[in-house]
């Protein structure tokens, strides 16, 4: 079927600074290539005739794999993707503001992790939506993660004050 882990990983992490370095905007994007995944829940749907391709049998590759009992034809997919791992901003409040509260320094940060998938090599496998090429399995409605937990997406707003 192919490698279970990415053979190539690329990371891009730009950082921009403004207002005499008081405002920082940053991001982290990661791409993974060379990995194949198997969507077992889709394979069972095809096996029991619950999908369009299994009923019509109009795709020669699928039919060939089905006749030979090659499960990977019904469930293997290219799991290459680019994901926005982090995006955020950090603002150091002016000393004139922090001094009013008796603080030496204050920083306000906003951070989003695992925000979204920017690109994925294969979005469907025989009509089933691949919800997350890194963790999830394919499903007809795009919400399946068959026995797997997807990457947690979260947004954090933090105020750090030094006295």
N, C-alpha and C. Protein backbone atom coordinates (compact mmCIF):
# COMPACT_ATOMS: atom_id res chain seq x y z
N UNK A 1 0.83 -1.19 0.00
CA UNK A 1 0.00 0.00 0.00
C UNK A 1 0.87 1.25 0.00
N UNK A 2 1.94 1.29 0.75
CA UNK A 2 2.80 2.47 0.81
C UNK A 2 3.23 2.74 2.23
N UNK A 3 4.09 3.74 2.44
CA UNK A 3 4.57 4.06 3.78
C UNK A 3 3.45 4.50 4.72
N UNK A 4 3.51 4.08 5.95
CA UNK A 4 2.52 4.46 6.96
C UNK A 4 2.83 5.82 7.59
N UNK A 5 4.08 6.25 7.44
CA UNK A 5 4.49 7.54 7.99
C UNK A 5 5.00 8.42 6.87
N UNK A 6 4.90 9.71 7.06
CA UNK A 6 5.33 10.65 6.02
C UNK A 6 6.82 10.48 5.72
N UNK A 7 7.13 10.39 4.43
CA UNK A 7 8.53 10.28 4.03
C UNK A 7 9.18 11.66 3.92
N UNK A 8 8.36 12.69 3.77
CA UNK A 8 8.86 14.06 3.67
C UNK A 8 7.95 14.98 4.49
N UNK A 9 8.57 15.84 5.28
CA UNK A 9 7.83 16.84 6.06
C UNK A 9 8.46 18.20 5.81
N UNK A 10 7.61 19.19 5.53
CA UNK A 10 8.07 20.55 5.27
C UNK A 10 7.34 21.48 6.24
N UNK A 11 8.09 22.39 6.84
CA UNK A 11 7.50 23.34 7.78
C UNK A 11 7.86 24.76 7.37
N UNK A 12 6.88 25.65 7.43
CA UNK A 12 7.07 27.07 7.15
C UNK A 12 6.57 27.83 8.36
N UNK A 13 7.42 28.74 8.90
CA UNK A 13 7.06 29.45 10.13
C UNK A 13 7.42 30.95 10.02
N UNK A 14 6.60 31.73 9.31
CA UNK A 14 6.90 33.16 9.22
C UNK A 14 6.54 33.90 10.51
N UNK A 15 7.27 34.97 10.78
CA UNK A 15 7.01 35.82 11.95
C UNK A 15 7.21 37.27 11.52
N UNK A 16 6.22 38.09 11.74
CA UNK A 16 6.29 39.51 11.40
C UNK A 16 6.23 40.34 12.68
N UNK A 17 7.01 41.40 12.71
CA UNK A 17 7.05 42.26 13.90
C UNK A 17 6.70 43.69 13.50
N UNK A 18 5.88 44.34 14.32
CA UNK A 18 5.43 45.71 14.05
C UNK A 18 5.51 46.55 15.32
N UNK A 19 5.36 47.85 15.17
CA UNK A 19 5.26 48.78 16.30
C UNK A 19 6.44 48.63 17.27
N UNK A 20 7.64 48.71 16.74
CA UNK A 20 8.85 48.58 17.57
C UNK A 20 8.87 47.25 18.34
N UNK A 21 8.46 46.22 17.68
CA UNK A 21 8.46 44.86 18.23
C UNK A 21 7.41 44.63 19.32
N UNK A 22 6.45 45.55 19.45
CA UNK A 22 5.39 45.34 20.45
C UNK A 22 4.31 44.40 19.92
N UNK A 23 4.15 44.35 18.60
CA UNK A 23 3.16 43.47 18.00
C UNK A 23 3.88 42.43 17.13
N UNK A 24 3.61 41.16 17.42
CA UNK A 24 4.18 40.07 16.63
C UNK A 24 3.04 39.22 16.09
N UNK A 25 3.13 38.90 14.81
CA UNK A 25 2.16 38.03 14.15
C UNK A 25 2.94 36.83 13.62
N UNK A 26 2.46 35.63 13.89
CA UNK A 26 3.22 34.44 13.53
C UNK A 26 2.29 33.33 13.06
N UNK A 27 2.88 32.39 12.34
CA UNK A 27 2.13 31.23 11.84
C UNK A 27 3.08 30.05 11.73
N UNK A 28 2.51 28.87 11.71
CA UNK A 28 3.28 27.65 11.51
C UNK A 28 2.44 26.72 10.64
N UNK A 29 2.95 26.44 9.44
CA UNK A 29 2.26 25.53 8.52
C UNK A 29 3.15 24.31 8.31
N UNK A 30 2.52 23.14 8.23
CA UNK A 30 3.27 21.91 8.04
C UNK A 30 2.67 21.11 6.89
N UNK A 31 3.55 20.59 6.05
CA UNK A 31 3.12 19.71 4.97
C UNK A 31 3.77 18.36 5.13
N UNK A 32 3.00 17.30 4.90
CA UNK A 32 3.54 15.94 4.96
C UNK A 32 3.21 15.23 3.66
N UNK A 33 4.22 14.51 3.13
CA UNK A 33 4.07 13.81 1.86
C UNK A 33 4.60 12.39 1.97
N UNK A 34 4.15 11.54 1.05
CA UNK A 34 4.68 10.18 0.94
C UNK A 34 4.02 9.16 1.83
N UNK A 35 2.92 9.50 2.45
CA UNK A 35 2.25 8.61 3.40
C UNK A 35 0.92 8.14 2.82
N UNK A 36 0.59 6.88 3.05
CA UNK A 36 -0.70 6.34 2.64
C UNK A 36 -1.46 5.92 3.88
N UNK A 37 -2.76 6.09 3.82
CA UNK A 37 -3.64 5.69 4.93
C UNK A 37 -4.67 4.71 4.40
N UNK A 38 -5.31 4.04 5.32
CA UNK A 38 -6.36 3.11 4.96
C UNK A 38 -7.61 3.44 5.76
N UNK A 39 -8.72 3.60 5.06
CA UNK A 39 -9.99 3.94 5.70
C UNK A 39 -10.80 2.67 5.86
N UNK A 40 -10.64 1.99 7.00
CA UNK A 40 -11.29 0.69 7.21
C UNK A 40 -12.81 0.78 7.21
N UNK A 41 -13.36 1.87 7.71
CA UNK A 41 -14.82 1.97 7.73
C UNK A 41 -15.38 2.02 6.31
N UNK A 42 -14.66 2.61 5.37
CA UNK A 42 -15.11 2.65 3.98
C UNK A 42 -15.00 1.27 3.35
N UNK A 43 -13.97 0.55 3.69
CA UNK A 43 -13.79 -0.79 3.12
C UNK A 43 -14.99 -1.68 3.48
N UNK A 44 -15.46 -1.59 4.72
CA UNK A 44 -16.61 -2.41 5.13
C UNK A 44 -17.88 -1.96 4.43
N UNK A 45 -18.04 -0.66 4.21
CA UNK A 45 -19.22 -0.18 3.48
C UNK A 45 -19.22 -0.71 2.06
N UNK A 46 -18.05 -0.74 1.42
CA UNK A 46 -17.97 -1.29 0.07
C UNK A 46 -18.25 -2.79 0.09
N UNK A 47 -17.71 -3.48 1.08
CA UNK A 47 -17.85 -4.93 1.19
C UNK A 47 -19.32 -5.33 1.28
N UNK A 48 -20.09 -4.58 2.04
CA UNK A 48 -21.50 -4.91 2.22
C UNK A 48 -22.41 -4.25 1.20
N UNK A 49 -21.83 -3.63 0.17
CA UNK A 49 -22.64 -3.06 -0.91
C UNK A 49 -23.39 -1.81 -0.54
N UNK A 50 -22.87 -1.02 0.39
CA UNK A 50 -23.56 0.18 0.84
C UNK A 50 -23.08 1.46 0.13
N UNK A 51 -22.22 1.34 -0.85
CA UNK A 51 -21.71 2.53 -1.53
C UNK A 51 -22.06 2.46 -3.01
N UNK A 52 -22.03 3.62 -3.65
CA UNK A 52 -22.38 3.71 -5.06
C UNK A 52 -21.46 2.86 -5.92
N UNK A 53 -20.15 2.94 -5.66
CA UNK A 53 -19.20 2.19 -6.49
C UNK A 53 -19.36 0.68 -6.32
N UNK A 54 -19.73 0.24 -5.12
CA UNK A 54 -19.90 -1.21 -4.91
C UNK A 54 -21.19 -1.71 -5.57
N UNK A 55 -22.17 -0.86 -5.71
CA UNK A 55 -23.41 -1.29 -6.37
C UNK A 55 -23.31 -1.21 -7.89
N UNK A 56 -22.70 -0.11 -8.40
CA UNK A 56 -22.59 0.05 -9.85
C UNK A 56 -21.45 -0.77 -10.45
N UNK A 57 -20.37 -0.93 -9.69
CA UNK A 57 -19.17 -1.61 -10.15
C UNK A 57 -18.74 -1.10 -11.52
N UNK A 58 -18.64 0.23 -11.63
CA UNK A 58 -18.30 0.87 -12.90
C UNK A 58 -16.86 1.38 -12.95
N UNK A 59 -16.07 1.11 -11.91
CA UNK A 59 -14.66 1.52 -11.89
C UNK A 59 -13.81 0.26 -12.01
N UNK A 60 -13.05 0.10 -13.12
CA UNK A 60 -12.29 -1.14 -13.32
C UNK A 60 -11.28 -1.44 -12.21
N UNK A 61 -10.63 -0.41 -11.67
CA UNK A 61 -9.65 -0.64 -10.60
C UNK A 61 -10.34 -1.19 -9.37
N UNK A 62 -11.48 -0.62 -9.03
CA UNK A 62 -12.21 -1.08 -7.85
C UNK A 62 -12.71 -2.52 -8.05
N UNK A 63 -13.27 -2.79 -9.21
CA UNK A 63 -13.79 -4.13 -9.48
C UNK A 63 -12.66 -5.16 -9.44
N UNK A 64 -11.51 -4.83 -10.03
CA UNK A 64 -10.37 -5.74 -10.02
C UNK A 64 -9.96 -6.06 -8.58
N UNK A 65 -9.84 -5.03 -7.74
CA UNK A 65 -9.48 -5.26 -6.34
C UNK A 65 -10.54 -6.03 -5.59
N UNK A 66 -11.79 -5.77 -5.91
CA UNK A 66 -12.89 -6.45 -5.25
C UNK A 66 -12.88 -7.94 -5.58
N UNK A 67 -12.67 -8.27 -6.84
CA UNK A 67 -12.67 -9.66 -7.27
C UNK A 67 -11.49 -10.42 -6.65
N UNK A 68 -10.32 -9.75 -6.57
CA UNK A 68 -9.14 -10.40 -6.01
C UNK A 68 -9.08 -10.33 -4.49
N UNK A 69 -10.02 -9.62 -3.88
CA UNK A 69 -10.02 -9.49 -2.43
C UNK A 69 -8.96 -8.53 -1.91
N UNK A 70 -8.54 -7.57 -2.73
CA UNK A 70 -7.53 -6.59 -2.33
C UNK A 70 -8.22 -5.42 -1.62
N UNK A 71 -8.22 -5.47 -0.29
CA UNK A 71 -8.91 -4.45 0.50
C UNK A 71 -8.36 -3.05 0.28
N UNK A 72 -7.06 -2.96 -0.03
CA UNK A 72 -6.46 -1.62 -0.17
C UNK A 72 -7.06 -0.85 -1.33
N UNK A 73 -7.54 -1.53 -2.36
CA UNK A 73 -8.16 -0.83 -3.49
C UNK A 73 -9.41 -0.10 -3.03
N UNK A 74 -10.12 -0.70 -2.10
CA UNK A 74 -11.37 -0.10 -1.63
C UNK A 74 -11.16 0.94 -0.55
N UNK A 75 -9.95 0.97 0.07
CA UNK A 75 -9.82 1.85 1.23
C UNK A 75 -8.53 2.65 1.32
N UNK A 76 -7.54 2.43 0.45
CA UNK A 76 -6.27 3.15 0.55
C UNK A 76 -6.37 4.51 -0.12
N UNK A 77 -5.71 5.51 0.47
CA UNK A 77 -5.70 6.84 -0.13
C UNK A 77 -4.41 7.56 0.19
N UNK A 78 -4.08 8.52 -0.66
CA UNK A 78 -2.89 9.36 -0.50
C UNK A 78 -3.16 10.36 0.62
N UNK A 79 -2.40 10.28 1.70
CA UNK A 79 -2.65 11.11 2.89
C UNK A 79 -1.75 12.34 2.96
N UNK A 80 -1.24 12.81 1.83
CA UNK A 80 -0.42 14.04 1.83
C UNK A 80 -1.32 15.23 2.14
N UNK A 81 -0.79 16.20 2.90
CA UNK A 81 -1.59 17.36 3.29
C UNK A 81 -0.70 18.52 3.70
N UNK A 82 -1.30 19.70 3.76
CA UNK A 82 -0.72 20.90 4.40
C UNK A 82 -1.73 21.36 5.44
N UNK A 83 -1.27 21.56 6.66
CA UNK A 83 -2.15 22.00 7.75
C UNK A 83 -1.58 23.27 8.38
N UNK A 84 -2.46 24.19 8.71
CA UNK A 84 -2.05 25.38 9.48
C UNK A 84 -2.04 24.96 10.94
N UNK A 85 -0.85 24.67 11.46
CA UNK A 85 -0.71 24.19 12.84
C UNK A 85 -0.97 25.29 13.85
N UNK A 86 -0.41 26.46 13.59
CA UNK A 86 -0.60 27.59 14.53
C UNK A 86 -0.69 28.90 13.76
N UNK A 87 -1.49 29.79 14.29
CA UNK A 87 -1.53 31.16 13.81
C UNK A 87 -1.88 32.02 15.03
N UNK A 88 -1.19 33.13 15.16
CA UNK A 88 -1.45 33.94 16.34
C UNK A 88 -0.82 35.31 16.29
N UNK A 89 -1.07 36.05 17.34
CA UNK A 89 -0.53 37.40 17.50
C UNK A 89 -0.24 37.63 18.98
N UNK A 90 0.77 38.45 19.22
CA UNK A 90 1.18 38.78 20.59
C UNK A 90 1.41 40.29 20.64
N UNK A 91 0.78 40.94 21.59
CA UNK A 91 0.89 42.39 21.71
C UNK A 91 1.36 42.75 23.12
N UNK A 92 2.48 43.46 23.20
CA UNK A 92 2.98 43.95 24.50
C UNK A 92 2.35 45.32 24.73
N UNK A 93 1.57 45.41 25.80
CA UNK A 93 0.89 46.67 26.08
C UNK A 93 1.90 47.76 26.47
N UNK A 94 1.61 49.00 26.12
CA UNK A 94 2.52 50.11 26.46
C UNK A 94 2.69 50.23 27.98
N UNK A 95 3.89 50.63 28.39
CA UNK A 95 4.17 50.78 29.83
C UNK A 95 3.27 51.81 30.48
N UNK A 96 2.82 52.80 29.70
CA UNK A 96 1.90 53.80 30.27
C UNK A 96 0.59 53.16 30.71
N UNK A 97 0.17 52.10 30.03
CA UNK A 97 -1.06 51.40 30.42
C UNK A 97 -0.80 50.46 31.59
N UNK A 98 0.29 49.69 31.51
CA UNK A 98 0.56 48.72 32.57
C UNK A 98 0.92 49.39 33.88
N UNK A 99 1.56 50.56 33.79
CA UNK A 99 1.92 51.31 35.00
C UNK A 99 0.70 51.73 35.79
N UNK A 100 -0.42 51.96 35.13
CA UNK A 100 -1.66 52.34 35.82
C UNK A 100 -2.15 51.24 36.75
N UNK A 101 -1.83 50.00 36.41
CA UNK A 101 -2.24 48.87 37.25
C UNK A 101 -1.13 48.44 38.19
N UNK A 102 -0.01 49.13 38.16
CA UNK A 102 1.11 48.78 39.03
C UNK A 102 1.92 47.61 38.49
N UNK A 103 1.76 47.30 37.21
CA UNK A 103 2.48 46.18 36.61
C UNK A 103 3.70 46.68 35.86
N UNK A 104 4.70 45.83 35.78
CA UNK A 104 5.91 46.18 35.03
C UNK A 104 5.72 45.92 33.54
N UNK A 105 4.94 44.87 33.23
CA UNK A 105 4.76 44.48 31.84
C UNK A 105 3.48 43.67 31.69
N UNK A 106 2.85 43.77 30.52
CA UNK A 106 1.66 42.97 30.22
C UNK A 106 1.68 42.61 28.73
N UNK A 107 1.37 41.35 28.46
CA UNK A 107 1.34 40.86 27.08
C UNK A 107 0.01 40.15 26.84
N UNK A 108 -0.65 40.53 25.74
CA UNK A 108 -1.91 39.92 25.34
C UNK A 108 -1.63 39.04 24.12
N UNK A 109 -2.01 37.76 24.21
CA UNK A 109 -1.72 36.81 23.13
C UNK A 109 -3.00 36.14 22.66
N UNK A 110 -3.09 35.91 21.37
CA UNK A 110 -4.18 35.16 20.76
C UNK A 110 -3.54 34.08 19.89
N UNK A 111 -3.93 32.81 20.10
CA UNK A 111 -3.30 31.70 19.39
C UNK A 111 -4.37 30.68 19.00
N UNK A 112 -4.32 30.23 17.75
CA UNK A 112 -5.18 29.15 17.27
C UNK A 112 -4.29 28.00 16.85
N UNK A 113 -4.61 26.79 17.32
CA UNK A 113 -3.82 25.60 16.99
C UNK A 113 -4.66 24.64 16.15
N UNK A 114 -4.00 24.00 15.18
CA UNK A 114 -4.66 23.07 14.25
C UNK A 114 -5.91 23.72 13.65
N UNK A 115 -5.70 24.93 13.17
CA UNK A 115 -6.82 25.75 12.69
C UNK A 115 -7.58 25.10 11.53
N UNK A 116 -6.86 24.68 10.49
CA UNK A 116 -7.54 24.03 9.38
C UNK A 116 -6.55 23.39 8.43
N UNK A 117 -7.10 22.54 7.57
CA UNK A 117 -6.29 21.89 6.54
C UNK A 117 -6.28 22.81 5.34
N UNK A 118 -5.08 23.23 4.93
CA UNK A 118 -4.95 24.13 3.80
C UNK A 118 -5.09 23.40 2.47
N UNK A 119 -4.58 22.16 2.41
CA UNK A 119 -4.61 21.37 1.18
C UNK A 119 -4.48 19.90 1.55
N UNK A 120 -5.14 19.04 0.80
CA UNK A 120 -4.94 17.61 0.95
C UNK A 120 -4.94 16.98 -0.43
N UNK A 121 -4.06 15.99 -0.62
CA UNK A 121 -3.87 15.38 -1.93
C UNK A 121 -5.13 14.69 -2.43
N UNK A 122 -5.83 14.02 -1.55
CA UNK A 122 -7.02 13.29 -1.95
C UNK A 122 -8.14 13.63 -0.99
N UNK A 123 -9.24 14.16 -1.51
CA UNK A 123 -10.35 14.59 -0.66
C UNK A 123 -11.45 13.53 -0.55
N UNK A 124 -11.47 12.60 -1.48
CA UNK A 124 -12.50 11.55 -1.48
C UNK A 124 -11.89 10.22 -1.87
N UNK A 125 -12.51 9.16 -1.39
CA UNK A 125 -12.14 7.82 -1.81
C UNK A 125 -13.43 7.12 -2.23
N UNK A 126 -13.60 6.99 -3.53
CA UNK A 126 -14.81 6.42 -4.12
C UNK A 126 -16.08 7.06 -3.56
N UNK A 127 -16.09 8.39 -3.52
CA UNK A 127 -17.26 9.14 -3.10
C UNK A 127 -17.32 9.47 -1.63
N UNK A 128 -16.54 8.80 -0.80
CA UNK A 128 -16.54 9.06 0.65
C UNK A 128 -15.57 10.20 0.96
N UNK A 129 -16.00 11.16 1.77
CA UNK A 129 -15.19 12.31 2.14
C UNK A 129 -14.11 11.89 3.15
N UNK A 130 -12.86 12.29 2.91
CA UNK A 130 -11.78 12.05 3.85
C UNK A 130 -11.72 13.28 4.75
N UNK A 131 -12.19 13.15 5.98
CA UNK A 131 -12.32 14.31 6.86
C UNK A 131 -10.99 14.88 7.30
N UNK A 132 -10.03 14.04 7.61
CA UNK A 132 -8.72 14.50 8.08
C UNK A 132 -7.67 13.49 7.64
N UNK A 133 -6.83 13.85 6.67
CA UNK A 133 -5.87 12.87 6.16
C UNK A 133 -4.79 12.47 7.18
N UNK A 134 -4.63 13.26 8.22
CA UNK A 134 -3.63 12.94 9.23
C UNK A 134 -4.16 11.94 10.26
N UNK A 135 -5.41 12.10 10.68
CA UNK A 135 -5.97 11.27 11.74
C UNK A 135 -7.24 10.53 11.35
N UNK A 136 -8.08 11.16 10.57
CA UNK A 136 -9.41 10.62 10.36
C UNK A 136 -9.53 9.62 9.25
N UNK A 137 -10.66 8.98 9.23
CA UNK A 137 -11.01 8.06 8.16
C UNK A 137 -12.05 8.72 7.28
N UNK A 138 -12.25 8.14 6.13
CA UNK A 138 -13.24 8.69 5.21
C UNK A 138 -14.65 8.36 5.66
N UNK A 139 -15.63 9.19 5.25
CA UNK A 139 -17.03 8.90 5.53
C UNK A 139 -17.89 9.57 4.48
N UNK A 140 -19.10 9.11 4.33
CA UNK A 140 -19.98 9.69 3.31
C UNK A 140 -20.38 11.11 3.66
N UNK A 141 -20.45 11.44 4.96
CA UNK A 141 -20.83 12.80 5.35
C UNK A 141 -19.66 13.62 5.89
N UNK A 142 -18.45 13.06 5.88
CA UNK A 142 -17.26 13.82 6.24
C UNK A 142 -17.00 13.98 7.72
N UNK A 143 -17.69 13.25 8.57
CA UNK A 143 -17.51 13.47 10.01
C UNK A 143 -16.92 12.27 10.74
N UNK A 144 -16.43 11.27 10.01
CA UNK A 144 -15.96 10.05 10.68
C UNK A 144 -14.51 10.14 11.11
N UNK A 145 -14.22 9.57 12.21
CA UNK A 145 -12.87 9.31 12.68
C UNK A 145 -12.94 7.95 13.34
N UNK A 146 -12.96 6.93 12.52
CA UNK A 146 -13.22 5.56 12.93
C UNK A 146 -12.14 5.07 13.88
N UNK A 147 -12.43 4.97 15.17
CA UNK A 147 -11.51 4.54 16.21
C UNK A 147 -10.29 5.44 16.36
N UNK A 148 -10.35 6.66 15.92
CA UNK A 148 -9.21 7.56 16.02
C UNK A 148 -9.68 8.93 16.48
N UNK A 149 -8.84 9.59 17.25
CA UNK A 149 -9.15 10.93 17.72
C UNK A 149 -8.46 11.94 16.82
N UNK A 150 -9.19 12.89 16.26
CA UNK A 150 -8.56 13.89 15.40
C UNK A 150 -7.75 14.89 16.21
N UNK A 151 -6.92 15.62 15.52
CA UNK A 151 -6.13 16.66 16.18
C UNK A 151 -7.07 17.68 16.82
N UNK A 152 -6.79 18.05 18.05
CA UNK A 152 -7.63 18.99 18.74
C UNK A 152 -7.38 20.40 18.21
N UNK A 153 -8.44 21.08 17.82
CA UNK A 153 -8.35 22.48 17.41
C UNK A 153 -8.75 23.32 18.60
N UNK A 154 -7.99 24.38 18.85
CA UNK A 154 -8.36 25.24 19.95
C UNK A 154 -7.89 26.66 19.70
N UNK A 155 -8.52 27.59 20.41
CA UNK A 155 -8.16 29.00 20.35
C UNK A 155 -7.93 29.46 21.78
N UNK A 156 -6.80 30.12 22.00
CA UNK A 156 -6.45 30.60 23.34
C UNK A 156 -6.24 32.10 23.33
N UNK A 157 -6.78 32.76 24.32
CA UNK A 157 -6.56 34.17 24.55
C UNK A 157 -5.93 34.28 25.94
N UNK A 158 -4.72 34.86 26.00
CA UNK A 158 -3.97 34.89 27.25
C UNK A 158 -3.51 36.31 27.56
N UNK A 159 -3.65 36.69 28.82
CA UNK A 159 -3.11 37.96 29.30
C UNK A 159 -2.06 37.62 30.38
N UNK A 160 -0.80 37.94 30.09
CA UNK A 160 0.29 37.68 31.05
C UNK A 160 0.73 39.01 31.63
N UNK A 161 0.70 39.10 32.94
CA UNK A 161 1.06 40.35 33.63
C UNK A 161 2.22 40.07 34.59
N UNK A 162 3.26 40.92 34.52
CA UNK A 162 4.42 40.81 35.40
C UNK A 162 4.42 42.01 36.35
N UNK A 163 4.50 41.73 37.65
CA UNK A 163 4.53 42.81 38.65
C UNK A 163 5.91 42.98 39.21
